[in-house]
Amino acid sequence: MESESTVSRSGRPLSFDRTEMLVRLMSLFWRLGFNGVTQQQMTATTGLSTSSLYNSFGTKAEIYREAMVEYLRRMEFVLEPLERGSRGHEDVLEMLARVEAVLRGPDGGFGCMATTAMSTPVDDEVARATRRYRAKLRAGFLAVVERARVLGESTPEPTMLANVMTAAVLGTLTVARADSDGHELSAHLEALRDFVRDWQNR
């Protein structure tokens, strides 16, 4: 965590926990999107004055970029089973369980901050970050297929599987934002689990 000895952009020591403030701002942008967030909401969420907010984080666009980096850093935990697992299709089921945990969590009703940003990218930097996110997801599925084949599991064609699963997961993350009662989300996740389990029955 950042301590009080951390300095602001102006070179003065901060008297608040910058990491905690960034997490609060991330949740605000996650909930409302870039265009829905006002300066007043940012100061109310953090308890900072306007000058402290901008001295520490910069402009609204700069705050949003940093919040997106923090969000994608947290999503690395969700993708970890794909990249570093050892169990083939079971790694995909574990990843889907982590997706569900995020979407059922405190901010989960807002869907995925990255998929929201994909539809209305704030700038080229955010667009590049979300492209890397999609590429990371797709590469994770390709890695799973390679492991599954080594383990002797029956698998679909790798490129087809990676494309279908990437599209399906991103679609599920997008639907979660509009699914107030969670029924549609549950149906999407169960269909994905059934598809993955079917690997073993081919």
Protein backbone atom coordinates (compact mmCIF):
# COMPACT_ATOMS: atom_id res chain seq x y z
CA MET A 1 0.00 0.00 0.00
CA GLU A 2 1.10 3.58 -0.59
CA SER A 3 2.17 5.38 2.58
CA GLU A 4 1.98 9.01 3.61
CA SER A 5 5.55 9.44 2.39
CA THR A 6 4.43 8.92 -1.20
CA VAL A 7 4.76 12.11 -3.22
CA SER A 8 2.18 13.68 -5.51
CA ARG A 9 2.72 14.79 -9.09
CA SER A 10 3.67 18.20 -7.73
CA GLY A 11 6.40 16.66 -5.54
CA ARG A 12 4.63 17.18 -2.21
CA PRO A 13 4.08 14.25 0.17
CA LEU A 14 0.57 12.74 0.12
CA SER A 15 -1.48 12.54 3.30
CA PHE A 16 -3.75 9.73 2.09
CA ASP A 17 -3.46 6.17 0.81
CA ARG A 18 -3.17 6.58 -2.95
CA THR A 19 -3.74 2.87 -3.66
CA GLU A 20 -7.02 2.90 -1.76
CA MET A 21 -8.15 6.02 -3.62
CA LEU A 22 -7.31 4.39 -6.96
CA VAL A 23 -9.41 1.35 -6.07
CA ARG A 24 -12.33 3.63 -5.21
CA LEU A 25 -11.95 5.46 -8.51
CA MET A 26 -11.71 2.16 -10.39
CA SER A 27 -15.02 1.03 -8.86
CA LEU A 28 -16.62 4.36 -9.81
CA PHE A 29 -15.54 4.10 -13.45
CA TRP A 30 -16.46 0.41 -13.50
CA ARG A 31 -19.97 1.27 -12.36
CA LEU A 32 -20.65 4.38 -14.44
CA GLY A 33 -18.23 4.27 -17.38
CA PHE A 34 -15.94 7.12 -18.38
CA ASN A 35 -18.65 9.46 -19.66
CA GLY A 36 -20.88 8.88 -16.64
CA VAL A 37 -18.33 10.02 -14.05
CA THR A 38 -18.11 13.66 -13.00
CA GLN A 39 -15.44 15.56 -11.10
CA GLN A 40 -17.86 15.94 -8.21
CA GLN A 41 -18.36 12.17 -8.06
CA MET A 42 -14.62 11.55 -8.05
CA THR A 43 -14.04 13.96 -5.18
CA ALA A 44 -17.04 12.57 -3.25
CA THR A 45 -15.86 8.98 -3.76
CA THR A 46 -12.32 9.65 -2.60
CA GLY A 47 -12.97 12.41 -0.09
CA LEU A 48 -10.23 14.42 -1.79
CA SER A 49 -10.35 18.03 -2.85
CA THR A 50 -10.22 18.72 -6.57
CA SER A 51 -6.64 19.96 -6.29
CA SER A 52 -5.52 16.87 -4.33
CA LEU A 53 -7.27 14.59 -6.81
CA TYR A 54 -5.62 16.09 -9.87
CA ASN A 55 -2.25 16.66 -8.21
CA SER A 56 -2.11 12.97 -7.37
CA PHE A 57 -3.77 11.37 -10.39
CA GLY A 58 -3.87 13.90 -13.21
CA THR A 59 -6.74 14.58 -15.59
CA LYS A 60 -9.93 12.55 -15.75
CA ALA A 61 -8.58 10.63 -18.75
CA GLU A 62 -5.33 9.88 -16.91
CA ILE A 63 -7.27 8.69 -13.87
CA TYR A 64 -9.37 6.42 -16.08
CA ARG A 65 -6.28 4.94 -17.76
CA GLU A 66 -4.72 4.15 -14.41
CA ALA A 67 -8.00 2.70 -13.13
CA MET A 68 -8.16 0.46 -16.21
CA VAL A 69 -4.62 -0.77 -15.58
CA GLU A 70 -5.64 -1.64 -12.01
CA TYR A 71 -8.75 -3.44 -13.25
CA LEU A 72 -6.79 -5.50 -15.80
CA ARG A 73 -4.19 -6.31 -13.16
CA ARG A 74 -6.95 -7.77 -11.01
CA MET A 75 -8.33 -9.74 -13.95
CA GLU A 76 -4.99 -11.51 -14.28
CA PHE A 77 -6.15 -13.70 -11.39
CA VAL A 78 -9.19 -14.72 -13.47
CA LEU A 79 -7.05 -15.66 -16.49
CA GLU A 80 -4.33 -17.38 -14.46
CA PRO A 81 -5.74 -20.94 -14.85
CA LEU A 82 -5.57 -20.59 -18.63
CA GLU A 83 -2.01 -19.32 -18.70
CA ARG A 84 -0.46 -21.32 -15.86
CA GLY A 85 -2.74 -24.30 -15.29
CA SER A 86 -1.88 -27.95 -15.80
CA ARG A 87 -5.24 -29.72 -16.12
CA GLY A 88 -6.54 -29.07 -19.63
CA HIS A 89 -10.29 -28.48 -19.79
CA GLU A 90 -10.48 -28.37 -15.97
CA ASP A 91 -8.44 -25.18 -16.14
CA VAL A 92 -11.16 -23.59 -18.26
CA LEU A 93 -13.80 -24.60 -15.70
CA GLU A 94 -11.67 -23.01 -12.99
CA MET A 95 -11.38 -19.82 -15.04
CA LEU A 96 -15.16 -19.73 -15.49
CA ALA A 97 -15.60 -20.17 -11.73
CA ARG A 98 -13.36 -17.14 -11.19
CA VAL A 99 -15.32 -15.15 -13.79
CA GLU A 100 -18.51 -15.97 -11.91
CA ALA A 101 -16.95 -14.97 -8.59
CA VAL A 102 -16.08 -11.55 -10.03
CA LEU A 103 -19.53 -11.09 -11.55
CA ARG A 104 -21.25 -12.12 -8.33
CA GLY A 105 -18.97 -9.86 -6.27
CA PRO A 106 -19.58 -6.32 -5.00
CA ASP A 107 -18.88 -4.65 -8.37
CA GLY A 108 -19.94 -7.59 -10.53
CA GLY A 109 -23.34 -6.18 -11.40
CA PHE A 110 -21.51 -3.63 -13.50
CA GLY A 111 -20.19 -6.34 -15.83
CA CYS A 112 -16.64 -5.98 -17.09
CA MET A 113 -14.91 -2.60 -17.06
CA ALA A 114 -12.78 -3.64 -20.06
CA THR A 115 -15.67 -4.77 -22.27
CA THR A 116 -17.50 -1.52 -21.48
CA ALA A 117 -14.40 0.41 -22.55
CA MET A 118 -14.18 -1.57 -25.81
CA SER A 119 -17.48 -0.11 -27.04
CA THR A 120 -16.45 3.49 -26.26
CA PRO A 121 -12.66 3.68 -25.95
CA VAL A 122 -11.50 6.86 -24.27
CA ASP A 123 -8.27 7.08 -26.25
CA ASP A 124 -5.70 4.98 -28.11
CA GLU A 125 -3.96 3.95 -24.90
CA VAL A 126 -7.13 2.44 -23.45
CA ALA A 127 -7.95 0.82 -26.80
CA ARG A 128 -4.50 -0.81 -26.86
CA ALA A 129 -4.95 -2.04 -23.30
CA THR A 130 -8.27 -3.71 -24.12
CA ARG A 131 -6.79 -5.27 -27.28
CA ARG A 132 -4.01 -6.77 -25.16
CA TYR A 133 -6.67 -8.08 -22.79
CA ARG A 134 -8.52 -9.83 -25.63
CA ALA A 135 -5.27 -11.22 -27.03
CA LYS A 136 -4.30 -12.51 -23.58
CA LEU A 137 -7.65 -14.27 -23.22
CA ARG A 138 -7.38 -15.87 -26.66
CA ALA A 139 -3.77 -16.94 -26.06
CA GLY A 140 -4.85 -18.53 -22.79
CA PHE A 141 -7.39 -20.71 -24.55
CA LEU A 142 -4.80 -21.75 -27.14
CA ALA A 143 -2.46 -22.72 -24.31
CA VAL A 144 -5.19 -24.83 -22.71
CA VAL A 145 -5.77 -26.77 -25.92
CA GLU A 146 -2.08 -27.57 -26.20
CA ARG A 147 -2.00 -28.85 -22.62
CA ALA A 148 -5.20 -30.80 -23.09
CA ARG A 149 -3.78 -32.60 -26.12
CA VAL A 150 -0.63 -33.52 -24.22
CA LEU A 151 -2.88 -34.97 -21.52
CA GLY A 152 -4.72 -37.02 -24.14
CA GLU A 153 -7.97 -35.07 -23.90
CA SER A 154 -10.21 -34.76 -26.92
CA THR A 155 -10.34 -31.10 -27.98
CA PRO A 156 -11.90 -28.99 -30.73
CA GLU A 157 -9.66 -27.40 -33.35
CA PRO A 158 -7.45 -24.92 -31.43
CA THR A 159 -8.08 -21.72 -33.39
CA MET A 160 -11.82 -22.33 -33.55
CA LEU A 161 -11.96 -23.06 -29.84
CA ALA A 162 -9.93 -19.98 -28.91
CA ASN A 163 -12.09 -17.71 -31.05
CA VAL A 164 -15.40 -19.17 -29.85
CA MET A 165 -14.46 -19.15 -26.18
CA THR A 166 -13.01 -15.64 -26.34
CA ALA A 167 -16.19 -14.33 -27.97
CA ALA A 168 -18.38 -16.26 -25.53
CA VAL A 169 -16.56 -15.06 -22.41
CA LEU A 170 -16.49 -11.45 -23.57
CA GLY A 171 -20.18 -11.70 -24.43
CA THR A 172 -20.97 -13.11 -20.99
CA LEU A 173 -19.04 -10.29 -19.32
CA THR A 174 -20.99 -7.77 -21.38
CA VAL A 175 -24.39 -9.34 -20.66
CA ALA A 176 -23.69 -9.25 -16.93
CA ARG A 177 -23.94 -5.45 -16.94
CA ALA A 178 -27.51 -5.51 -18.24
CA ASP A 179 -28.71 -8.63 -16.39
CA SER A 180 -30.35 -7.26 -13.26
CA ASP A 181 -31.56 -10.55 -11.80
CA GLY A 182 -28.59 -12.71 -12.84
CA HIS A 183 -30.68 -15.33 -14.67
CA GLU A 184 -29.19 -14.65 -18.08
CA LEU A 185 -25.69 -14.69 -16.61
CA SER A 186 -26.35 -18.07 -15.01
CA ALA A 187 -27.62 -19.46 -18.32
CA HIS A 188 -24.54 -18.20 -20.20
CA LEU A 189 -22.10 -19.64 -17.67
CA GLU A 190 -23.83 -23.01 -17.53
CA ALA A 191 -23.84 -23.25 -21.34
CA LEU A 192 -20.12 -22.51 -21.37
CA ARG A 193 -19.47 -25.17 -18.73
CA ASP A 194 -21.51 -27.71 -20.70
CA PHE A 195 -19.51 -26.89 -23.85
CA VAL A 196 -16.22 -27.39 -22.02
CA ARG A 197 -17.33 -30.63 -20.33
CA ASP A 198 -18.36 -31.94 -23.74
CA TRP A 199 -14.68 -32.04 -24.72
CA GLN A 200 -14.38 -35.30 -22.82
CA ASN A 201 -17.39 -36.85 -24.50
CA ARG A 202 -16.33 -36.37 -28.11
